[in-house]
Amino acid sequence: CLDVADGRPPSPGFSLGRFLAGLRAEMAAAPAFAGREVLWMDALRD
């Protein structure tokens, strides 16, 4: 999950990662995400 959240593509068959990749793509489309990606990653890692 952390790899996908960091921008790597999910491995084949990793459905949880595929769903997360879609979430990350939607987050990345928000103008504020570029400067706050670390905050989002920190909350996910926590």
All heavy atoms as atom14 arrays in JSON, in Angstrom:
{
  "sequence": "CLDVADGRPPSPGFSLGRFLAGLRAEMAAAPAFAGREVLWMDALRD",
  "atom14_mask": [
    [1, 1, 1, 1, 1, 1, 0, 0, 0, 0, 0, 0, 0, 0],
    [1, 1, 1, 1, 1, 1, 1, 1, 0, 0, 0, 0, 0, 0],
    [1, 1, 1, 1, 1, 1, 1, 1, 0, 0, 0, 0, 0, 0],
    [1, 1, 1, 1, 1, 1, 1, 0, 0, 0, 0, 0, 0, 0],
    [1, 1, 1, 1, 1, 0, 0, 0, 0, 0, 0, 0, 0, 0],
    [1, 1, 1, 1, 1, 1, 1, 1, 0, 0, 0, 0, 0, 0],
    [1, 1, 1, 1, 0, 0, 0, 0, 0, 0, 0, 0, 0, 0],
    [1, 1, 1, 1, 1, 1, 1, 1, 1, 1, 1, 0, 0, 0],
    [1, 1, 1, 1, 1, 1, 1, 0, 0, 0, 0, 0, 0, 0],
    [1, 1, 1, 1, 1, 1, 1, 0, 0, 0, 0, 0, 0, 0],
    [1, 1, 1, 1, 1, 1, 0, 0, 0, 0, 0, 0, 0, 0],
    [1, 1, 1, 1, 1, 1, 1, 0, 0, 0, 0, 0, 0, 0],
    [1, 1, 1, 1, 0, 0, 0, 0, 0, 0, 0, 0, 0, 0],
    [1, 1, 1, 1, 1, 1, 1, 1, 1, 1, 1, 0, 0, 0],
    [1, 1, 1, 1, 1, 1, 0, 0, 0, 0, 0, 0, 0, 0],
    [1, 1, 1, 1, 1, 1, 1, 1, 0, 0, 0, 0, 0, 0],
    [1, 1, 1, 1, 0, 0, 0, 0, 0, 0, 0, 0, 0, 0],
    [1, 1, 1, 1, 1, 1, 1, 1, 1, 1, 1, 0, 0, 0],
    [1, 1, 1, 1, 1, 1, 1, 1, 1, 1, 1, 0, 0, 0],
    [1, 1, 1, 1, 1, 1, 1, 1, 0, 0, 0, 0, 0, 0],
    [1, 1, 1, 1, 1, 0, 0, 0, 0, 0, 0, 0, 0, 0],
    [1, 1, 1, 1, 0, 0, 0, 0, 0, 0, 0, 0, 0, 0],
    [1, 1, 1, 1, 1, 1, 1, 1, 0, 0, 0, 0, 0, 0],
    [1, 1, 1, 1, 1, 1, 1, 1, 1, 1, 1, 0, 0, 0],
    [1, 1, 1, 1, 1, 0, 0, 0, 0, 0, 0, 0, 0, 0],
    [1, 1, 1, 1, 1, 1, 1, 1, 1, 0, 0, 0, 0, 0],
    [1, 1, 1, 1, 1, 1, 1, 1, 0, 0, 0, 0, 0, 0],
    [1, 1, 1, 1, 1, 0, 0, 0, 0, 0, 0, 0, 0, 0],
    [1, 1, 1, 1, 1, 0, 0, 0, 0, 0, 0, 0, 0, 0],
    [1, 1, 1, 1, 1, 0, 0, 0, 0, 0, 0, 0, 0, 0],
    [1, 1, 1, 1, 1, 1, 1, 0, 0, 0, 0, 0, 0, 0],
    [1, 1, 1, 1, 1, 0, 0, 0, 0, 0, 0, 0, 0, 0],
    [1, 1, 1, 1, 1, 1, 1, 1, 1, 1, 1, 0, 0, 0],
    [1, 1, 1, 1, 1, 0, 0, 0, 0, 0, 0, 0, 0, 0],
    [1, 1, 1, 1, 0, 0, 0, 0, 0, 0, 0, 0, 0, 0],
    [1, 1, 1, 1, 1, 1, 1, 1, 1, 1, 1, 0, 0, 0],
    [1, 1, 1, 1, 1, 1, 1, 1, 1, 0, 0, 0, 0, 0],
    [1, 1, 1, 1, 1, 1, 1, 0, 0, 0, 0, 0, 0, 0],
    [1, 1, 1, 1, 1, 1, 1, 1, 0, 0, 0, 0, 0, 0],
    [1, 1, 1, 1, 1, 1, 1, 1, 1, 1, 1, 1, 1, 1],
    [1, 1, 1, 1, 1, 1, 1, 1, 0, 0, 0, 0, 0, 0],
    [1, 1, 1, 1, 1, 1, 1, 1, 0, 0, 0, 0, 0, 0],
    [1, 1, 1, 1, 1, 0, 0, 0, 0, 0, 0, 0, 0, 0],
    [1, 1, 1, 1, 1, 1, 1, 1, 0, 0, 0, 0, 0, 0],
    [1, 1, 1, 1, 1, 1, 1, 1, 1, 1, 1, 0, 0, 0],
    [1, 1, 1, 1, 1, 1, 1, 1, 0, 0, 0, 0, 0, 0]
  ],
  "atom14_positions": [
    [[0.83, -1.21, 0.0], [0.0, 0.0, 0.0], [0.86, 1.26, 0.0], [0.57, 2.22, -0.72], [-0.92, 0.0, 1.22], [-2.29, -1.2, 1.11], [0.0, 0.0, 0.0], [0.0, 0.0, 0.0], [0.0, 0.0, 0.0], [0.0, 0.0, 0.0], [0.0, 0.0, 0.0], [0.0, 0.0, 0.0], [0.0, 0.0, 0.0], [0.0, 0.0, 0.0]],
    [[1.91, 1.27, 0.78], [2.78, 2.45, 0.84], [3.49, 2.67, -0.5], [3.7, 3.82, -0.92], [3.79, 2.31, 1.98], [3.18, 2.37, 3.38], [4.26, 2.11, 4.44], [2.51, 3.72, 3.64], [0.0, 0.0, 0.0], [0.0, 0.0, 0.0], [0.0, 0.0, 0.0], [0.0, 0.0, 0.0], [0.0, 0.0, 0.0], [0.0, 0.0, 0.0]],
    [[3.85, 1.59, -1.17], [4.47, 1.73, -2.49], [3.5, 2.39, -3.48], [3.87, 3.29, -4.24], [4.9, 0.37, -3.03], [6.19, -0.14, -2.38], [6.88, 0.66, -1.73], [6.48, -1.34, -2.52], [0.0, 0.0, 0.0], [0.0, 0.0, 0.0], [0.0, 0.0, 0.0], [0.0, 0.0, 0.0], [0.0, 0.0, 0.0], [0.0, 0.0, 0.0]],
    [[2.26, 1.93, -3.46], [1.26, 2.49, -4.36], [1.0, 3.96, -4.02], [0.9, 4.82, -4.9], [-0.05, 1.68, -4.3], [-1.17, 2.39, -5.06], [0.16, 0.29, -4.88], [0.0, 0.0, 0.0], [0.0, 0.0, 0.0], [0.0, 0.0, 0.0], [0.0, 0.0, 0.0], [0.0, 0.0, 0.0], [0.0, 0.0, 0.0], [0.0, 0.0, 0.0]],
    [[0.91, 4.25, -2.72], [0.68, 5.63, -2.3], [1.82, 6.54, -2.7], [1.62, 7.74, -2.93], [0.49, 5.68, -0.78], [0.0, 0.0, 0.0], [0.0, 0.0, 0.0], [0.0, 0.0, 0.0], [0.0, 0.0, 0.0], [0.0, 0.0, 0.0], [0.0, 0.0, 0.0], [0.0, 0.0, 0.0], [0.0, 0.0, 0.0], [0.0, 0.0, 0.0]],
    [[3.01, 5.96, -2.84], [4.18, 6.73, -3.26], [4.26, 6.89, -4.77], [5.21, 7.49, -5.28], [5.45, 6.05, -2.73], [6.62, 7.0, -2.64], [6.39, 8.21, -2.39], [7.76, 6.55, -2.81], [0.0, 0.0, 0.0], [0.0, 0.0, 0.0], [0.0, 0.0, 0.0], [0.0, 0.0, 0.0], [0.0, 0.0, 0.0], [0.0, 0.0, 0.0]],
    [[3.28, 6.34, -5.48], [3.22, 6.54, -6.92], [3.59, 5.34, -7.77], [3.54, 5.42, -9.01], [0.0, 0.0, 0.0], [0.0, 0.0, 0.0], [0.0, 0.0, 0.0], [0.0, 0.0, 0.0], [0.0, 0.0, 0.0], [0.0, 0.0, 0.0], [0.0, 0.0, 0.0], [0.0, 0.0, 0.0], [0.0, 0.0, 0.0], [0.0, 0.0, 0.0]],
    [[3.97, 4.22, -7.14], [4.32, 3.04, -7.92], [3.04, 2.29, -8.32], [2.07, 2.27, -7.57], [5.23, 2.12, -7.11], [6.55, 2.76, -6.71], [7.41, 1.79, -5.89], [8.62, 2.42, -5.41], [8.73, 3.09, -4.27], [7.67, 3.21, -3.49], [9.87, 3.64, -3.91], [0.0, 0.0, 0.0], [0.0, 0.0, 0.0], [0.0, 0.0, 0.0]],
    [[3.05, 1.65, -9.47], [1.85, 0.9, -9.89], [1.66, -0.32, -9.01], [2.63, -0.95, -8.57], [2.17, 0.51, -11.34], [3.66, 0.52, -11.42], [4.12, 1.6, -10.49], [0.0, 0.0, 0.0], [0.0, 0.0, 0.0], [0.0, 0.0, 0.0], [0.0, 0.0, 0.0], [0.0, 0.0, 0.0], [0.0, 0.0, 0.0], [0.0, 0.0, 0.0]],
    [[0.41, -0.69, -8.73], [0.17, -1.89, -7.92], [0.61, -3.15, -8.66], [0.54, -3.22, -9.89], [-1.35, -1.87, -7.71], [-1.89, -1.07, -8.85], [-0.84, -0.05, -9.17], [0.0, 0.0, 0.0], [0.0, 0.0, 0.0], [0.0, 0.0, 0.0], [0.0, 0.0, 0.0], [0.0, 0.0, 0.0], [0.0, 0.0, 0.0], [0.0, 0.0, 0.0]],
    [[1.08, -4.12, -7.92], [1.49, -5.39, -8.53], [0.26, -6.13, -9.04], [-0.86, -5.91, -8.56], [2.22, -6.25, -7.5], [1.39, -6.51, -6.38], [0.0, 0.0, 0.0], [0.0, 0.0, 0.0], [0.0, 0.0, 0.0], [0.0, 0.0, 0.0], [0.0, 0.0, 0.0], [0.0, 0.0, 0.0], [0.0, 0.0, 0.0], [0.0, 0.0, 0.0]],
    [[0.41, -7.01, -10.04], [-0.73, -7.76, -10.58], [-1.47, -8.53, -9.48], [-0.85, -9.18, -8.63], [-0.08, -8.71, -11.59], [1.19, -8.02, -11.98], [1.67, -7.32, -10.74], [0.0, 0.0, 0.0], [0.0, 0.0, 0.0], [0.0, 0.0, 0.0], [0.0, 0.0, 0.0], [0.0, 0.0, 0.0], [0.0, 0.0, 0.0], [0.0, 0.0, 0.0]],
    [[-2.78, -8.43, -9.48], [-3.58, -9.14, -8.51], [-3.72, -8.45, -7.17], [-4.43, -8.95, -6.29], [0.0, 0.0, 0.0], [0.0, 0.0, 0.0], [0.0, 0.0, 0.0], [0.0, 0.0, 0.0], [0.0, 0.0, 0.0], [0.0, 0.0, 0.0], [0.0, 0.0, 0.0], [0.0, 0.0, 0.0], [0.0, 0.0, 0.0], [0.0, 0.0, 0.0]],
    [[-3.07, -7.31, -6.99], [-3.14, -6.6, -5.71], [-4.32, -5.62, -5.77], [-4.17, -4.44, -6.02], [-1.83, -5.87, -5.44], [-1.73, -5.21, -4.09], [-2.39, -5.71, -2.98], [-0.94, -4.08, -3.92], [-2.29, -5.11, -1.74], [-0.82, -3.46, -2.69], [-1.49, -3.97, -1.6], [0.0, 0.0, 0.0], [0.0, 0.0, 0.0], [0.0, 0.0, 0.0]],
    [[-5.51, -6.14, -5.53], [-6.73, -5.34, -5.68], [-6.77, -4.17, -4.71], [-7.26, -3.09, -5.06], [-7.97, -6.23, -5.48], [-8.07, -7.19, -6.5], [0.0, 0.0, 0.0], [0.0, 0.0, 0.0], [0.0, 0.0, 0.0], [0.0, 0.0, 0.0], [0.0, 0.0, 0.0], [0.0, 0.0, 0.0], [0.0, 0.0, 0.0], [0.0, 0.0, 0.0]],
    [[-6.28, -4.39, -3.5], [-6.26, -3.3, -2.53], [-5.42, -2.14, -3.06], [-5.78, -0.97, -2.93], [-5.73, -3.8, -1.19], [-5.89, -2.86, 0.0], [-7.36, -2.72, 0.36], [-5.11, -3.39, 1.2], [0.0, 0.0, 0.0], [0.0, 0.0, 0.0], [0.0, 0.0, 0.0], [0.0, 0.0, 0.0], [0.0, 0.0, 0.0], [0.0, 0.0, 0.0]],
    [[-4.29, -2.48, -3.67], [-3.43, -1.46, -4.26], [-4.07, -0.8, -5.46], [-3.9, 0.41, -5.7], [0.0, 0.0, 0.0], [0.0, 0.0, 0.0], [0.0, 0.0, 0.0], [0.0, 0.0, 0.0], [0.0, 0.0, 0.0], [0.0, 0.0, 0.0], [0.0, 0.0, 0.0], [0.0, 0.0, 0.0], [0.0, 0.0, 0.0], [0.0, 0.0, 0.0]],
    [[-4.83, -1.57, -6.24], [-5.5, -1.0, -7.41], [-6.54, 0.04, -6.99], [-6.65, 1.11, -7.59], [-6.14, -2.12, -8.23], [-6.78, -1.65, -9.53], [-7.03, -2.83, -10.47], [-7.91, -3.84, -9.89], [-9.24, -3.82, -9.99], [-9.84, -2.84, -10.66], [-9.97, -4.78, -9.46], [0.0, 0.0, 0.0], [0.0, 0.0, 0.0], [0.0, 0.0, 0.0]],
    [[-7.29, -0.28, -5.95], [-8.27, 0.68, -5.41], [-7.53, 1.92, -4.89], [-7.92, 3.06, -5.17], [-9.08, 0.01, -4.31], [-10.33, 0.76, -3.89], [-11.28, 0.11, -3.11], [-10.57, 2.08, -4.24], [-12.44, 0.76, -2.71], [-11.71, 2.75, -3.84], [-12.65, 2.09, -3.07], [0.0, 0.0, 0.0], [0.0, 0.0, 0.0], [0.0, 0.0, 0.0]],
    [[-6.44, 1.71, -4.15], [-5.68, 2.83, -3.6], [-5.08, 3.69, -4.72], [-5.02, 4.92, -4.6], [-4.58, 2.31, -2.68], [-3.68, 3.38, -2.04], [-4.48, 4.38, -1.22], [-2.6, 2.72, -1.19], [0.0, 0.0, 0.0], [0.0, 0.0, 0.0], [0.0, 0.0, 0.0], [0.0, 0.0, 0.0], [0.0, 0.0, 0.0], [0.0, 0.0, 0.0]],
    [[-4.64, 3.06, -5.79], [-4.08, 3.82, -6.91], [-5.12, 4.79, -7.47], [-4.8, 5.92, -7.85], [-3.58, 2.88, -7.98], [0.0, 0.0, 0.0], [0.0, 0.0, 0.0], [0.0, 0.0, 0.0], [0.0, 0.0, 0.0], [0.0, 0.0, 0.0], [0.0, 0.0, 0.0], [0.0, 0.0, 0.0], [0.0, 0.0, 0.0], [0.0, 0.0, 0.0]],
    [[-6.37, 4.34, -7.53], [-7.43, 5.23, -7.99], [-7.65, 6.39, -7.04], [-7.86, 7.54, -7.46], [0.0, 0.0, 0.0], [0.0, 0.0, 0.0], [0.0, 0.0, 0.0], [0.0, 0.0, 0.0], [0.0, 0.0, 0.0], [0.0, 0.0, 0.0], [0.0, 0.0, 0.0], [0.0, 0.0, 0.0], [0.0, 0.0, 0.0], [0.0, 0.0, 0.0]],
    [[-7.59, 6.1, -5.73], [-7.71, 7.17, -4.74], [-6.57, 8.17, -4.87], [-6.78, 9.38, -4.82], [-7.73, 6.57, -3.33], [-8.98, 5.83, -2.9], [-8.75, 5.16, -1.55], [-10.17, 6.78, -2.83], [0.0, 0.0, 0.0], [0.0, 0.0, 0.0], [0.0, 0.0, 0.0], [0.0, 0.0, 0.0], [0.0, 0.0, 0.0], [0.0, 0.0, 0.0]],
    [[-5.36, 7.63, -5.03], [-4.21, 8.53, -5.14], [-4.32, 9.4, -6.39], [-3.98, 10.59, -6.36], [-2.91, 7.73, -5.19], [-1.67, 8.63, -5.09], [-0.39, 7.9, -5.42], [0.76, 8.74, -5.16], [1.16, 9.74, -5.95], [0.49, 10.0, -7.07], [2.21, 10.47, -5.63], [0.0, 0.0, 0.0], [0.0, 0.0, 0.0], [0.0, 0.0, 0.0]],
    [[-4.78, 8.83, -7.49], [-4.95, 9.6, -8.71], [-5.94, 10.74, -8.5], [-5.73, 11.86, -9.0], [-5.4, 8.69, -9.84], [0.0, 0.0, 0.0], [0.0, 0.0, 0.0], [0.0, 0.0, 0.0], [0.0, 0.0, 0.0], [0.0, 0.0, 0.0], [0.0, 0.0, 0.0], [0.0, 0.0, 0.0], [0.0, 0.0, 0.0], [0.0, 0.0, 0.0]],
    [[-7.01, 10.46, -7.77], [-7.99, 11.52, -7.51], [-7.39, 12.59, -6.59], [-7.62, 13.78, -6.78], [-9.26, 10.94, -6.9], [-10.39, 11.93, -6.8], [-11.77, 11.3, -6.82], [-11.85, 10.06, -6.81], [-12.75, 12.06, -6.85], [0.0, 0.0, 0.0], [0.0, 0.0, 0.0], [0.0, 0.0, 0.0], [0.0, 0.0, 0.0], [0.0, 0.0, 0.0]],
    [[-6.63, 12.16, -5.59], [-5.95, 13.14, -4.74], [-4.97, 13.98, -5.54], [-4.89, 15.2, -5.38], [-5.21, 12.41, -3.62], [-6.09, 11.76, -2.57], [-7.1, 12.91, -1.63], [-5.85, 13.96, -0.9], [0.0, 0.0, 0.0], [0.0, 0.0, 0.0], [0.0, 0.0, 0.0], [0.0, 0.0, 0.0], [0.0, 0.0, 0.0], [0.0, 0.0, 0.0]],
    [[-4.2, 13.34, -6.41], [-3.18, 14.04, -7.19], [-3.78, 15.06, -8.14], [-3.11, 16.02, -8.54], [-2.33, 13.03, -7.97], [0.0, 0.0, 0.0], [0.0, 0.0, 0.0], [0.0, 0.0, 0.0], [0.0, 0.0, 0.0], [0.0, 0.0, 0.0], [0.0, 0.0, 0.0], [0.0, 0.0, 0.0], [0.0, 0.0, 0.0], [0.0, 0.0, 0.0]],
    [[-5.05, 14.9, -8.5], [-5.71, 15.85, -9.38], [-6.08, 17.14, -8.65], [-6.4, 18.14, -9.3], [-6.96, 15.21, -9.98], [0.0, 0.0, 0.0], [0.0, 0.0, 0.0], [0.0, 0.0, 0.0], [0.0, 0.0, 0.0], [0.0, 0.0, 0.0], [0.0, 0.0, 0.0], [0.0, 0.0, 0.0], [0.0, 0.0, 0.0], [0.0, 0.0, 0.0]],
    [[-6.05, 17.12, -7.32], [-6.36, 18.32, -6.54], [-5.14, 19.25, -6.54], [-4.02, 18.8, -6.32], [-6.73, 17.94, -5.11], [0.0, 0.0, 0.0], [0.0, 0.0, 0.0], [0.0, 0.0, 0.0], [0.0, 0.0, 0.0], [0.0, 0.0, 0.0], [0.0, 0.0, 0.0], [0.0, 0.0, 0.0], [0.0, 0.0, 0.0], [0.0, 0.0, 0.0]],
    [[-5.32, 20.54, -6.76], [-4.19, 21.46, -6.81], [-3.33, 21.45, -5.55], [-2.11, 21.66, -5.63], [-4.87, 22.83, -7.01], [-6.18, 22.51, -7.65], [-6.6, 21.2, -7.07], [0.0, 0.0, 0.0], [0.0, 0.0, 0.0], [0.0, 0.0, 0.0], [0.0, 0.0, 0.0], [0.0, 0.0, 0.0], [0.0, 0.0, 0.0], [0.0, 0.0, 0.0]],
    [[-3.94, 21.21, -4.39], [-3.2, 21.28, -3.12], [-2.33, 20.06, -2.85], [-1.47, 20.09, -1.97], [-4.18, 21.47, -1.96], [0.0, 0.0, 0.0], [0.0, 0.0, 0.0], [0.0, 0.0, 0.0], [0.0, 0.0, 0.0], [0.0, 0.0, 0.0], [0.0, 0.0, 0.0], [0.0, 0.0, 0.0], [0.0, 0.0, 0.0], [0.0, 0.0, 0.0]],
    [[-2.54, 18.99, -3.61], [-1.86, 17.75, -3.26], [-0.34, 17.83, -3.46], [0.43, 17.29, -2.65], [-2.42, 16.59, -4.09], [-1.9, 15.24, -3.7], [-2.24, 14.68, -2.47], [-1.1, 14.51, -4.55], [-1.79, 13.43, -2.1], [-0.64, 13.24, -4.2], [-0.98, 12.71, -2.97], [0.0, 0.0, 0.0], [0.0, 0.0, 0.0], [0.0, 0.0, 0.0]],
    [[0.1, 18.52, -4.5], [1.53, 18.57, -4.82], [2.36, 19.07, -3.65], [3.46, 18.58, -3.41], [1.76, 19.44, -6.05], [0.0, 0.0, 0.0], [0.0, 0.0, 0.0], [0.0, 0.0, 0.0], [0.0, 0.0, 0.0], [0.0, 0.0, 0.0], [0.0, 0.0, 0.0], [0.0, 0.0, 0.0], [0.0, 0.0, 0.0], [0.0, 0.0, 0.0]],
    [[1.85, 20.01, -2.89], [2.61, 20.52, -1.76], [2.32, 19.83, -0.45], [2.94, 20.16, 0.57], [0.0, 0.0, 0.0], [0.0, 0.0, 0.0], [0.0, 0.0, 0.0], [0.0, 0.0, 0.0], [0.0, 0.0, 0.0], [0.0, 0.0, 0.0], [0.0, 0.0, 0.0], [0.0, 0.0, 0.0], [0.0, 0.0, 0.0], [0.0, 0.0, 0.0]],
    [[1.38, 18.88, -0.48], [0.97, 18.25, 0.79], [0.92, 16.73, 0.69], [0.32, 16.06, 1.53], [-0.38, 18.81, 1.22], [-0.29, 20.3, 1.54], [-1.63, 20.98, 1.64], [-1.44, 22.4, 1.88], [-1.24, 23.3, 0.92], [-1.22, 22.92, -0.36], [-1.07, 24.58, 1.23], [0.0, 0.0, 0.0], [0.0, 0.0, 0.0], [0.0, 0.0, 0.0]],
    [[1.56, 16.2, -0.32], [1.59, 14.75, -0.49], [2.2, 14.07, 0.72], [1.76, 12.98, 1.14], [2.38, 14.4, -1.75], [2.45, 12.92, -2.06], [3.19, 12.63, -3.34], [3.52, 13.6, -4.07], [3.44, 11.45, -3.62], [0.0, 0.0, 0.0], [0.0, 0.0, 0.0], [0.0, 0.0, 0.0], [0.0, 0.0, 0.0], [0.0, 0.0, 0.0]],
    [[3.23, 14.69, 1.33], [3.89, 14.09, 2.5], [2.91, 13.98, 3.66], [2.91, 12.97, 4.39], [5.12, 14.92, 2.89], [5.68, 14.44, 4.23], [6.2, 14.84, 1.82], [0.0, 0.0, 0.0], [0.0, 0.0, 0.0], [0.0, 0.0, 0.0], [0.0, 0.0, 0.0], [0.0, 0.0, 0.0], [0.0, 0.0, 0.0], [0.0, 0.0, 0.0]],
    [[2.06, 14.99, 3.85], [1.07, 14.93, 4.93], [0.1, 13.77, 4.72], [-0.28, 13.07, 5.66], [0.31, 16.25, 5.02], [1.11, 17.49, 5.42], [0.22, 18.73, 5.37], [1.71, 17.32, 6.81], [0.0, 0.0, 0.0], [0.0, 0.0, 0.0], [0.0, 0.0, 0.0], [0.0, 0.0, 0.0], [0.0, 0.0, 0.0], [0.0, 0.0, 0.0]],
    [[-0.32, 13.6, 3.47], [-1.23, 12.51, 3.14], [-0.55, 11.16, 3.37], [-1.13, 10.24, 3.97], [-1.67, 12.65, 1.69], [-2.67, 11.64, 1.21], [-3.99, 11.6, 1.49], [-2.39, 10.51, 0.35], [-4.57, 10.52, 0.84], [-3.62, 9.85, 0.14], [-1.24, 10.02, -0.27], [-3.72, 8.7, -0.66], [-1.34, 8.89, -1.07], [-2.56, 8.24, -1.26]],
    [[0.7, 11.04, 2.92], [1.45, 9.8, 3.12], [1.67, 9.51, 4.6], [1.57, 8.37, 5.05], [2.8, 9.89, 2.41], [2.75, 9.65, 0.92], [2.52, 7.89, 0.49], [4.02, 7.17, 1.14], [0.0, 0.0, 0.0], [0.0, 0.0, 0.0], [0.0, 0.0, 0.0], [0.0, 0.0, 0.0], [0.0, 0.0, 0.0], [0.0, 0.0, 0.0]],
    [[1.96, 10.55, 5.37], [2.18, 10.36, 6.8], [0.91, 9.83, 7.49], [0.98, 8.94, 8.34], [2.6, 11.67, 7.46], [4.05, 12.04, 7.16], [4.8, 11.18, 6.66], [4.42, 13.19, 7.43], [0.0, 0.0, 0.0], [0.0, 0.0, 0.0], [0.0, 0.0, 0.0], [0.0, 0.0, 0.0], [0.0, 0.0, 0.0], [0.0, 0.0, 0.0]],
    [[-0.23, 10.4, 7.11], [-1.49, 9.95, 7.71], [-1.78, 8.5, 7.34], [-2.25, 7.71, 8.17], [-2.64, 10.86, 7.29], [0.0, 0.0, 0.0], [0.0, 0.0, 0.0], [0.0, 0.0, 0.0], [0.0, 0.0, 0.0], [0.0, 0.0, 0.0], [0.0, 0.0, 0.0], [0.0, 0.0, 0.0], [0.0, 0.0, 0.0], [0.0, 0.0, 0.0]],
    [[-1.52, 8.15, 6.09], [-1.71, 6.76, 5.66], [-0.75, 5.83, 6.38], [-1.16, 4.76, 6.88], [-1.49, 6.65, 4.15], [-1.51, 5.24, 3.57], [-2.86, 4.57, 3.8], [-1.17, 5.27, 2.07], [0.0, 0.0, 0.0], [0.0, 0.0, 0.0], [0.0, 0.0, 0.0], [0.0, 0.0, 0.0], [0.0, 0.0, 0.0], [0.0, 0.0, 0.0]],
    [[0.51, 6.22, 6.46], [1.5, 5.37, 7.15], [1.14, 5.19, 8.62], [1.25, 4.09, 9.17], [2.89, 5.98, 7.01], [4.0, 5.11, 7.61], [5.36, 5.74, 7.44], [5.76, 5.77, 6.03], [5.76, 6.85, 5.27], [5.38, 8.02, 5.78], [6.15, 6.8, 4.01], [0.0, 0.0, 0.0], [0.0, 0.0, 0.0], [0.0, 0.0, 0.0]],
    [[0.7, 6.26, 9.26], [0.29, 6.16, 10.67], [-0.84, 5.16, 10.84], [-0.84, 4.35, 11.78], [-0.15, 7.53, 11.19], [1.0, 8.5, 11.37], [2.17, 8.06, 11.37], [0.74, 9.71, 11.51], [0.0, 0.0, 0.0], [0.0, 0.0, 0.0], [0.0, 0.0, 0.0], [0.0, 0.0, 0.0], [0.0, 0.0, 0.0], [0.0, 0.0, 0.0]]
  ]
}
